Amino acid sequence: MKHDRILLAHGGGGSLTKELVEEILLPALDNPVLRTLDDAAVVAINGDRLAFTTDGYVVKPMFFPGGDIGRLAVCGTVNDLAMQGAQPLWLSLSLILEEGLSIADLQKVVASIRAAADEAGVKVATGDTKVVERGKCEGMYIVTSGIGRVVAEHRLGCAHVKPGDAVIVNGPLGDHGVAVMSRREGIAFQTSVVSDCAPLWGLVKRILGTGVPVHALRDPTRGGVAAAVNDIARASGVGIRLTETALPVRPDVRGACDLLGLDPLTIANEGKVIVFCPGSDAERVLAALKRDPLGKEACVIGAVTETPKGMALLRTRIGGERIVDLPTGEDLPRIC
């Protein structure tokens, strides 16, 4: 490890998170299921393929335009299952509450959890509640785990992407990160942007229903699209070339990024899926996506190439190319 203490950036989904996982966690806990480092583990039990995932949510603030920590926890967990082609079925829910949290805020978050679970078609099957001293938790943290049944006919994963694949996204990038940042103490600003936080299983089901041999699905949360394409490029040993003029970014999001000196490619999303499928099938996937409310603005943003292996590049508006770096951490932590 390059550092002898944990930094906020170690939780940002970038290079320091990768270092933490690969140098501390994976060597101690290594096994064939964990080693894939996909969004969810896929295991076989009595012939059934099940997907299993877990995640923690420490978003600051708890309430933001378009959502709150409760909706975020449900959507983030079911989406990790969906990325493995799994229909979400059951969730666990662990609440870590701070002494002094208002009952009204707790009730609001729990109602949001219920509404998001109903929307996603899952049930909360078990849970736990802990309370910590005032000043130790900033209101509430949530930990969720999810179980789903894999319905995809073939295995999806980071290592299955191939040269010639198209890179597709279902809509505008950066909405979630900018929505949260717009309410962050110390940098709050006025914007019409709301979080894209949404359960994606219905959208993924449409993609799988096309019969297209999709190679991988990835939700670009922490570290944004930049982290996702770098992970895919390295796991599959391919190059990924994105086109800047094809990237869907709302004017308000681009303006906020310009104001704060941020790159929309590194901003977190919570209702987006990046699809890697054969380029010859891209139009079929796009047509399916656009039939869904969450995919009306779907578009091709790049392609997979033989080289440069393990790297992602961006063709800029002026015709040059730059490396899409794996971010060190998050430009602003505590986004999810």
Protein backbone atom coordinates (compact mmCIF):
# COMPACT_ATOMS: atom_id res chain seq x y z
CA MET A 1 0.00 0.00 0.00
CA LYS A 2 1.17 3.53 -0.82
CA HIS A 3 -0.40 4.91 2.37
CA ASP A 4 -0.27 3.75 5.98
CA ARG A 5 -3.71 5.20 6.81
CA ILE A 6 -7.11 4.96 5.14
CA LEU A 7 -8.07 8.04 3.13
CA LEU A 8 -11.51 9.16 1.94
CA ALA A 9 -10.28 8.40 -1.59
CA HIS A 10 -9.98 4.70 -0.69
CA GLY A 11 -13.79 4.60 -0.83
CA GLY A 12 -14.16 6.49 -4.10
CA GLY A 13 -14.19 3.61 -6.58
CA GLY A 14 -10.93 4.69 -8.26
CA SER A 15 -7.31 3.60 -8.19
CA LEU A 16 -7.02 3.76 -4.39
CA THR A 17 -10.10 1.57 -3.98
CA LYS A 18 -8.55 -0.85 -6.46
CA GLU A 19 -5.32 -0.83 -4.45
CA LEU A 20 -7.21 -1.47 -1.19
CA VAL A 21 -9.11 -4.40 -2.69
CA GLU A 22 -6.20 -5.99 -4.55
CA GLU A 23 -3.48 -5.54 -1.91
CA ILE A 24 -5.39 -5.99 1.37
CA LEU A 25 -8.79 -7.61 0.90
CA LEU A 26 -8.39 -10.01 -2.00
CA PRO A 27 -5.13 -11.65 -0.79
CA ALA A 28 -6.71 -12.38 2.58
CA LEU A 29 -10.11 -13.54 1.30
CA ASP A 30 -9.34 -14.86 -2.19
CA ASN A 31 -11.57 -17.55 -3.70
CA PRO A 32 -12.85 -18.22 -7.24
CA VAL A 33 -16.20 -16.51 -6.68
CA LEU A 34 -14.76 -13.34 -5.15
CA ARG A 35 -11.90 -13.14 -7.63
CA THR A 36 -14.09 -12.00 -10.54
CA LEU A 37 -14.80 -8.69 -8.71
CA ASP A 38 -18.04 -8.22 -10.65
CA ASP A 39 -20.97 -6.15 -9.36
CA ALA A 40 -22.46 -9.29 -7.79
CA ALA A 41 -21.23 -12.81 -7.14
CA VAL A 42 -22.88 -15.60 -9.11
CA VAL A 43 -23.13 -18.97 -7.35
CA ALA A 44 -24.82 -22.25 -8.27
CA ILE A 45 -27.03 -24.00 -5.69
CA ASN A 46 -28.81 -27.23 -6.65
CA GLY A 47 -28.62 -26.26 -10.30
CA ASP A 48 -30.01 -22.75 -9.80
CA ARG A 49 -27.79 -19.76 -10.49
CA LEU A 50 -28.13 -17.08 -7.86
CA ALA A 51 -26.57 -13.61 -7.68
CA PHE A 52 -25.56 -12.17 -4.32
CA THR A 53 -24.34 -8.67 -3.50
CA THR A 54 -23.86 -6.30 -0.58
CA ASP A 55 -23.25 -2.57 -0.27
CA GLY A 56 -23.03 0.27 2.25
CA TYR A 57 -24.54 3.75 1.81
CA VAL A 58 -23.13 6.83 3.53
CA VAL A 59 -24.42 9.58 1.20
CA LYS A 60 -24.21 13.14 2.46
CA PRO A 61 -26.76 14.71 2.73
CA MET A 62 -29.37 12.01 3.39
CA PHE A 63 -31.97 13.83 1.28
CA PHE A 64 -31.17 15.20 -2.18
CA PRO A 65 -33.10 16.21 -5.32
CA GLY A 66 -34.69 13.08 -6.76
CA GLY A 67 -34.08 10.74 -3.85
CA ASP A 68 -32.68 9.97 -0.43
CA ILE A 69 -30.44 7.42 1.26
CA GLY A 70 -33.28 4.87 1.42
CA ARG A 71 -34.11 4.89 -2.28
CA LEU A 72 -30.41 4.90 -3.06
CA ALA A 73 -29.78 1.80 -0.94
CA VAL A 74 -32.52 -0.22 -2.62
CA CYS A 75 -31.71 0.87 -6.17
CA GLY A 76 -27.98 0.44 -5.77
CA THR A 77 -28.34 -3.12 -4.52
CA VAL A 78 -30.92 -4.35 -7.03
CA ASN A 79 -28.93 -2.76 -9.85
CA ASP A 80 -25.80 -4.70 -8.87
CA LEU A 81 -27.86 -7.87 -9.19
CA ALA A 82 -29.30 -6.76 -12.53
CA MET A 83 -25.78 -6.22 -13.93
CA GLN A 84 -25.30 -9.99 -13.67
CA GLY A 85 -28.56 -10.66 -15.50
CA ALA A 86 -30.34 -11.52 -12.25
CA GLN A 87 -33.93 -10.77 -11.30
CA PRO A 88 -33.78 -9.20 -7.80
CA LEU A 89 -35.81 -11.11 -5.21
CA TRP A 90 -34.83 -10.38 -1.61
CA LEU A 91 -33.01 -7.70 0.36
CA SER A 92 -31.55 -7.43 3.82
CA LEU A 93 -31.59 -4.03 5.51
CA SER A 94 -29.21 -2.86 8.25
CA LEU A 95 -29.79 0.62 9.68
CA ILE A 96 -27.07 2.43 11.62
CA LEU A 97 -28.78 5.39 13.27
CA GLU A 98 -27.31 8.36 15.10
CA GLU A 99 -28.59 9.35 18.51
CA GLY A 100 -30.77 12.43 17.98
CA LEU A 101 -32.01 11.52 14.48
CA SER A 102 -35.59 12.76 14.14
CA ILE A 103 -38.27 10.09 13.99
CA ALA A 104 -39.88 12.03 11.14
CA ASP A 105 -36.71 11.70 9.01
CA LEU A 106 -36.47 7.99 9.84
CA GLN A 107 -40.09 7.44 8.84
CA LYS A 108 -39.51 9.33 5.60
CA VAL A 109 -36.50 7.16 4.70
CA VAL A 110 -38.30 3.92 5.60
CA ALA A 111 -41.26 4.94 3.43
CA SER A 112 -38.82 5.63 0.60
CA ILE A 113 -37.26 2.19 1.07
CA ARG A 114 -40.69 0.57 0.85
CA ALA A 115 -41.65 2.53 -2.27
CA ALA A 116 -38.36 1.72 -4.02
CA ALA A 117 -38.62 -1.96 -3.09
CA ASP A 118 -42.14 -2.13 -4.50
CA GLU A 119 -40.94 -0.41 -7.68
CA ALA A 120 -38.05 -2.87 -7.99
CA GLY A 121 -40.19 -5.92 -7.24
CA VAL A 122 -38.19 -7.03 -4.18
CA LYS A 123 -39.02 -7.65 -0.54
CA VAL A 124 -37.01 -6.85 2.57
CA ALA A 125 -36.59 -10.27 4.18
CA THR A 126 -34.38 -9.53 7.18
CA GLY A 127 -32.55 -6.70 8.87
CA ASP A 128 -30.81 -5.18 11.85
CA THR A 129 -30.76 -1.83 13.68
CA LYS A 130 -27.94 -0.21 15.62
CA VAL A 131 -27.65 3.23 17.24
CA VAL A 132 -24.37 5.12 17.72
CA GLU A 133 -23.57 8.17 19.82
CA ARG A 134 -24.53 11.66 18.72
CA GLY A 135 -21.99 13.07 16.29
CA LYS A 136 -20.69 9.67 15.13
CA CYS A 137 -22.90 8.95 12.11
CA GLU A 138 -24.30 12.14 10.51
CA GLY A 139 -27.84 10.86 10.80
CA MET A 140 -27.95 7.45 9.19
CA TYR A 141 -25.92 4.85 7.32
CA ILE A 142 -27.53 1.88 5.55
CA VAL A 143 -26.09 -1.52 4.61
CA THR A 144 -28.06 -3.75 2.23
CA SER A 145 -27.52 -7.16 0.70
CA GLY A 146 -29.49 -8.65 -2.16
CA ILE A 147 -30.23 -12.04 -3.66
CA GLY A 148 -31.52 -12.59 -7.18
CA ARG A 149 -32.13 -15.39 -9.66
CA VAL A 150 -29.90 -15.28 -12.73
CA VAL A 151 -32.03 -15.48 -15.87
CA ALA A 152 -29.44 -14.46 -18.46
CA GLU A 153 -28.68 -17.43 -20.71
CA HIS A 154 -24.94 -16.88 -20.63
CA ARG A 155 -22.53 -15.42 -18.08
CA LEU A 156 -22.11 -11.66 -18.06
CA GLY A 157 -18.99 -10.08 -16.64
CA CYS A 158 -16.10 -7.66 -16.88
CA ALA A 159 -13.81 -10.27 -18.45
CA HIS A 160 -16.16 -11.17 -21.33
CA VAL A 161 -15.97 -8.00 -23.43
CA LYS A 162 -14.50 -8.43 -26.93
CA PRO A 163 -13.05 -6.23 -29.69
CA GLY A 164 -15.83 -5.10 -31.99
CA ASP A 165 -18.30 -4.61 -29.16
CA ALA A 166 -20.33 -1.41 -29.05
CA VAL A 167 -20.44 0.63 -25.84
CA ILE A 168 -23.97 1.87 -25.13
CA VAL A 169 -25.42 3.91 -22.27
CA ASN A 170 -29.12 4.34 -21.52
CA GLY A 171 -29.10 8.09 -20.92
CA PRO A 172 -27.45 11.28 -19.61
CA LEU A 173 -24.42 11.01 -17.35
CA GLY A 174 -23.61 12.68 -14.03
CA ASP A 175 -27.12 13.56 -12.84
CA HIS A 176 -26.83 11.81 -9.47
CA GLY A 177 -23.47 13.24 -8.48
CA VAL A 178 -24.43 16.79 -9.41
CA ALA A 179 -27.81 16.51 -7.63
CA VAL A 180 -26.09 15.45 -4.41
CA MET A 181 -23.34 18.05 -4.75
CA SER A 182 -25.93 20.80 -5.25
CA ARG A 183 -27.13 20.23 -1.68
CA ARG A 184 -23.74 19.57 -0.09
CA GLU A 185 -22.93 21.90 2.79
CA GLY A 186 -20.31 24.42 1.77
CA ILE A 187 -20.81 24.21 -2.01
CA ALA A 188 -24.62 24.27 -2.43
CA PHE A 189 -25.78 25.81 -5.70
CA GLN A 190 -29.04 26.16 -7.60
CA THR A 191 -29.74 23.68 -10.39
CA SER A 192 -32.70 21.83 -11.89
CA VAL A 193 -30.77 18.53 -11.95
CA VAL A 194 -32.30 15.64 -10.00
CA SER A 195 -30.74 12.27 -9.24
CA ASP A 196 -31.24 9.50 -11.80
CA CYS A 197 -31.56 6.97 -8.95
CA ALA A 198 -33.79 4.16 -10.29
CA PRO A 199 -34.06 0.33 -10.29
CA LEU A 200 -32.79 -1.03 -13.60
CA TRP A 201 -34.01 -4.63 -13.69
CA GLY A 202 -36.94 -3.84 -16.00
CA LEU A 203 -34.56 -2.17 -18.44
CA VAL A 204 -32.06 -5.04 -18.25
CA LYS A 205 -34.88 -7.53 -18.83
CA ARG A 206 -35.69 -5.72 -22.08
CA ILE A 207 -32.05 -5.97 -23.17
CA LEU A 208 -31.89 -9.69 -22.41
CA GLY A 209 -35.21 -10.18 -24.21
CA THR A 210 -33.65 -9.11 -27.50
CA GLY A 211 -31.66 -12.34 -27.64
CA VAL A 212 -28.49 -10.32 -28.33
CA PRO A 213 -25.40 -12.01 -26.82
CA VAL A 214 -24.59 -9.18 -24.42
CA HIS A 215 -21.10 -9.60 -22.99
CA ALA A 216 -21.23 -7.28 -19.98
CA LEU A 217 -23.42 -4.78 -18.15
CA ARG A 218 -22.01 -2.23 -15.73
CA ASP A 219 -23.62 0.51 -13.65
CA PRO A 220 -21.22 3.45 -13.49
CA THR A 221 -21.66 4.48 -9.85
CA ARG A 222 -18.55 5.45 -7.83
CA GLY A 223 -15.89 6.73 -10.21
CA GLY A 224 -18.47 7.12 -12.98
CA VAL A 225 -17.99 5.96 -16.56
CA ALA A 226 -14.23 6.46 -16.30
CA ALA A 227 -13.85 3.85 -13.55
CA ALA A 228 -16.25 1.44 -15.27
CA VAL A 229 -14.53 1.43 -18.68
CA ASN A 230 -11.09 1.14 -17.09
CA ASP A 231 -12.20 -1.88 -15.05
CA ILE A 232 -13.66 -3.52 -18.16
CA ALA A 233 -10.61 -2.78 -20.33
CA ARG A 234 -8.23 -4.31 -17.79
CA ALA A 235 -10.36 -7.34 -16.97
CA SER A 236 -10.93 -8.20 -20.65
CA GLY A 237 -7.50 -7.14 -21.96
CA VAL A 238 -9.01 -4.84 -24.58
CA GLY A 239 -8.98 -1.18 -25.52
CA ILE A 240 -12.06 1.01 -25.19
CA ARG A 241 -12.49 4.16 -27.26
CA LEU A 242 -15.17 6.65 -26.29
CA THR A 243 -16.30 9.60 -28.41
CA GLU A 244 -16.67 12.90 -26.56
CA THR A 245 -19.32 14.29 -28.91
CA ALA A 246 -21.45 11.18 -28.32
CA LEU A 247 -21.48 11.45 -24.53
CA PRO A 248 -24.96 12.44 -23.29
CA VAL A 249 -24.51 15.14 -20.63
CA ARG A 250 -27.22 17.64 -19.69
CA PRO A 251 -26.28 21.34 -19.99
CA ASP A 252 -26.88 21.87 -16.24
CA VAL A 253 -24.58 18.97 -15.41
CA ARG A 254 -21.88 20.18 -17.78
CA GLY A 255 -22.19 23.68 -16.35
CA ALA A 256 -21.86 22.40 -12.77
CA CYS A 257 -18.81 20.34 -13.75
CA ASP A 258 -17.21 23.35 -15.43
CA LEU A 259 -17.93 25.46 -12.34
CA LEU A 260 -16.38 22.91 -9.97
CA GLY A 261 -13.58 21.73 -12.26
CA LEU A 262 -14.98 18.19 -12.58
CA ASP A 263 -15.12 15.70 -15.45
CA PRO A 264 -18.61 14.28 -16.22
CA LEU A 265 -16.94 10.92 -16.93
CA THR A 266 -15.91 10.59 -13.28
CA ILE A 267 -19.25 11.66 -11.75
CA ALA A 268 -21.41 9.00 -10.08
CA ASN A 269 -24.65 7.74 -11.65
CA GLU A 270 -27.36 5.66 -9.98
CA GLY A 271 -29.76 4.88 -12.82
CA LYS A 272 -27.44 4.16 -15.71
CA VAL A 273 -26.20 0.97 -17.33
CA ILE A 274 -23.33 0.62 -19.77
CA VAL A 275 -23.99 -2.19 -22.24
CA PHE A 276 -21.22 -4.06 -24.08
CA CYS A 277 -22.61 -6.05 -27.00
CA PRO A 278 -21.49 -7.00 -30.53
CA GLY A 279 -21.43 -3.90 -32.69
CA SER A 280 -23.60 -5.62 -35.29
CA ASP A 281 -26.37 -5.92 -32.68
CA ALA A 282 -26.16 -2.39 -31.30
CA GLU A 283 -29.27 -1.14 -33.11
CA ARG A 284 -31.40 -3.95 -31.66
CA VAL A 285 -30.24 -3.10 -28.16
CA LEU A 286 -30.84 0.62 -28.71
CA ALA A 287 -34.34 -0.05 -30.00
CA ALA A 288 -35.14 -2.11 -26.89
CA LEU A 289 -33.71 0.53 -24.56
CA LYS A 290 -35.68 3.35 -26.17
CA ARG A 291 -38.96 1.52 -25.56
CA ASP A 292 -38.38 1.94 -21.82
CA PRO A 293 -38.82 5.25 -19.94
CA LEU A 294 -35.33 4.81 -18.47
CA GLY A 295 -33.77 4.33 -21.90
CA LYS A 296 -35.38 6.96 -24.12
CA GLU A 297 -32.07 8.80 -24.51
CA ALA A 298 -29.90 5.71 -25.03
CA CYS A 299 -26.98 6.07 -27.41
CA VAL A 300 -23.71 4.50 -28.54
CA ILE A 301 -20.79 6.26 -26.86
CA GLY A 302 -17.86 4.18 -28.09
CA ALA A 303 -16.41 0.88 -29.21
CA VAL A 304 -14.11 -1.88 -27.98
CA THR A 305 -10.83 -2.33 -29.83
CA GLU A 306 -7.86 -4.71 -29.81
CA THR A 307 -5.53 -1.97 -28.58
CA PRO A 308 -4.38 -0.30 -26.45
CA LYS A 309 -4.90 -3.31 -24.19
CA GLY A 310 -6.17 -2.47 -20.73
CA MET A 311 -6.73 1.22 -21.51
CA ALA A 312 -9.60 3.56 -22.30
CA LEU A 313 -9.25 6.54 -24.64
CA LEU A 314 -11.51 9.49 -25.44
CA ARG A 315 -11.67 10.99 -28.91
CA THR A 316 -12.06 14.69 -28.16
CA ARG A 317 -14.21 17.30 -29.86
CA ILE A 318 -11.18 18.68 -31.70
CA GLY A 319 -10.20 15.28 -33.12
CA GLY A 320 -7.40 14.27 -30.77
CA GLU A 321 -7.30 11.48 -28.21
CA ARG A 322 -6.63 11.49 -24.49
CA ILE A 323 -6.37 8.74 -21.93
CA VAL A 324 -9.42 8.22 -19.75
CA ASP A 325 -7.64 7.79 -16.43
CA LEU A 326 -8.92 5.67 -13.60
CA PRO A 327 -9.70 8.35 -11.01
CA THR A 328 -7.70 8.22 -7.77
CA GLY A 329 -10.86 8.55 -5.71
CA GLU A 330 -14.03 10.59 -5.99
CA ASP A 331 -13.77 14.29 -6.75
CA LEU A 332 -16.29 14.65 -3.95
CA PRO A 333 -16.70 11.75 -1.50
CA ARG A 334 -19.88 10.41 0.14
CA ILE A 335 -21.95 10.45 -3.08
CA CYS A 336 -23.47 7.02 -2.42
